[in-house]
Amino acid sequence: QVQLVESGGGLVQAGGSLRLSCAASGRTLSSYFMGWFRQAPGKEREVVATISWSGDRTDYADSVKGRFTISRENAKNTVYLQMNSLKPEDTAVYYCNDKGTTLNWGQGTQVTVSS
């Protein structure tokens, strides 16, 4: 069973940057098409970005295109989300999972962007 642990969140001013990490244990992530998701208060969880097994294909929600970058290091069993030019509307709890959300959710990491 894969366990996912997200980290790297925090409080940042608008325009700032954060780098989130998603570390997996229990099984290699290299066979999974991975994604980052987020859930803001009172809203449904939404997909932010996805990345293919090899990392050669990435996709982004329109709201984060040009600002966020997803990457992965299969040797470290870790997926990253570099977030630049953060906006208050990016405030949410961020989670990683495989694209089909078949893995157990981790606890997420809180990102708060102040205006």
Protein backbone atom coordinates (compact mmCIF):
# COMPACT_ATOMS: atom_id res chain seq x y z
CA GLN A 1 0.00 0.00 0.00
CA VAL A 2 1.39 3.37 -1.02
CA GLN A 3 1.56 6.11 1.58
CA LEU A 4 1.78 9.68 0.35
CA VAL A 5 3.20 12.53 2.43
CA GLU A 6 2.90 16.08 1.18
CA SER A 7 5.06 18.91 2.50
CA GLY A 8 6.32 22.37 1.67
CA GLY A 9 3.20 24.42 2.20
CA GLY A 10 3.03 27.60 4.22
CA LEU A 11 1.98 31.21 4.34
CA VAL A 12 3.24 33.42 1.54
CA GLN A 13 2.39 36.83 0.16
CA ALA A 14 0.81 37.23 -3.24
CA GLY A 15 3.49 37.01 -5.91
CA GLY A 16 5.61 34.67 -3.84
CA SER A 17 6.69 31.10 -4.48
CA LEU A 18 6.53 27.73 -2.80
CA ARG A 19 7.75 24.28 -3.72
CA LEU A 20 5.64 21.35 -2.64
CA SER A 21 6.93 17.81 -2.32
CA CYS A 22 5.08 14.52 -2.32
CA ALA A 23 7.07 11.60 -0.97
CA ALA A 24 5.81 8.07 -1.33
CA SER A 25 6.60 4.97 0.65
CA GLY A 26 5.46 1.41 0.36
CA ARG A 27 5.62 1.20 -3.40
CA THR A 28 7.38 2.92 -6.26
CA LEU A 29 5.55 5.78 -7.95
CA SER A 30 7.33 5.24 -11.24
CA SER A 31 4.41 3.24 -12.63
CA TYR A 32 1.86 5.90 -11.79
CA PHE A 33 0.70 8.88 -13.78
CA MET A 34 0.76 11.36 -10.91
CA GLY A 35 -1.07 14.55 -10.13
CA TRP A 36 -1.39 17.41 -7.69
CA PHE A 37 -4.83 18.36 -6.47
CA ARG A 38 -6.16 21.09 -4.22
CA GLN A 39 -9.21 21.78 -2.15
CA ALA A 40 -10.20 25.24 -1.01
CA PRO A 41 -12.66 25.80 1.84
CA GLY A 42 -16.20 25.13 0.71
CA LYS A 43 -15.10 23.88 -2.69
CA GLU A 44 -14.62 20.50 -4.28
CA ARG A 45 -11.19 19.04 -4.78
CA GLU A 46 -9.78 19.89 -8.19
CA VAL A 47 -6.84 18.72 -10.25
CA VAL A 48 -4.03 21.23 -10.60
CA ALA A 49 -1.41 19.41 -12.64
CA THR A 50 -0.53 15.93 -13.86
CA ILE A 51 2.68 14.28 -15.03
CA SER A 52 3.34 11.11 -16.99
CA TRP A 53 5.39 8.16 -15.76
CA SER A 54 8.58 9.40 -17.39
CA GLY A 55 7.85 13.07 -16.82
CA ASP A 56 7.81 13.92 -20.50
CA ARG A 57 4.17 14.92 -20.50
CA THR A 58 2.58 17.44 -18.19
CA ASP A 59 -0.84 19.06 -18.09
CA TYR A 60 -2.13 21.98 -16.07
CA ALA A 61 -5.40 23.52 -15.06
CA ASP A 62 -5.97 26.77 -16.91
CA SER A 63 -5.88 28.66 -13.62
CA VAL A 64 -2.24 27.73 -12.97
CA LYS A 65 -0.74 27.50 -16.46
CA GLY A 66 2.46 29.47 -16.74
CA ARG A 67 2.80 29.75 -12.96
CA PHE A 68 3.05 26.17 -11.67
CA THR A 69 5.43 23.42 -12.75
CA ILE A 70 5.03 19.76 -11.88
CA SER A 71 8.05 17.45 -11.92
CA ARG A 72 9.13 14.13 -10.53
CA GLU A 73 12.20 12.20 -9.45
CA ASN A 74 11.37 8.52 -9.68
CA ALA A 75 14.67 7.58 -8.08
CA LYS A 76 13.55 9.48 -4.98
CA ASN A 77 9.95 8.37 -5.29
CA THR A 78 8.96 12.02 -5.11
CA VAL A 79 6.75 14.39 -7.07
CA TYR A 80 7.10 18.17 -6.87
CA LEU A 81 5.00 21.23 -7.56
CA GLN A 82 6.83 24.52 -8.05
CA MET A 83 4.38 27.35 -7.56
CA ASN A 84 5.33 30.86 -8.64
CA SER A 85 3.41 34.13 -8.82
CA LEU A 86 1.01 32.84 -6.21
CA LYS A 87 -2.40 34.44 -5.90
CA PRO A 88 -4.85 34.52 -2.98
CA GLU A 89 -7.14 32.21 -4.97
CA ASP A 90 -4.42 29.55 -4.82
CA THR A 91 -5.10 29.19 -1.10
CA ALA A 92 -6.06 25.57 -0.46
CA VAL A 93 -4.89 22.27 0.93
CA TYR A 94 -2.74 20.60 -1.70
CA TYR A 95 -2.61 16.84 -2.20
CA CYS A 96 -0.86 14.44 -4.51
CA ASN A 97 -2.31 11.22 -5.87
CA ASP A 98 -2.19 9.25 -9.05
CA LYS A 99 -4.18 10.78 -11.89
CA GLY A 100 -7.09 8.43 -11.29
CA THR A 101 -7.01 9.12 -7.56
CA THR A 102 -6.77 5.44 -6.78
CA LEU A 103 -4.22 5.79 -4.00
CA ASN A 104 -5.00 6.61 -0.39
CA TRP A 105 -5.01 10.36 0.17
CA GLY A 106 -2.32 11.84 2.37
CA GLN A 107 -2.90 14.59 4.89
CA GLY A 108 -2.15 17.31 2.38
CA THR A 109 -0.19 20.50 2.90
CA GLN A 110 -1.80 23.88 3.53
CA VAL A 111 -0.95 26.75 1.21
CA THR A 112 -2.15 30.20 2.25
CA VAL A 113 -1.55 33.20 0.03
CA SER A 114 -2.16 36.60 1.56
CA SER A 115 -3.05 39.65 -0.51
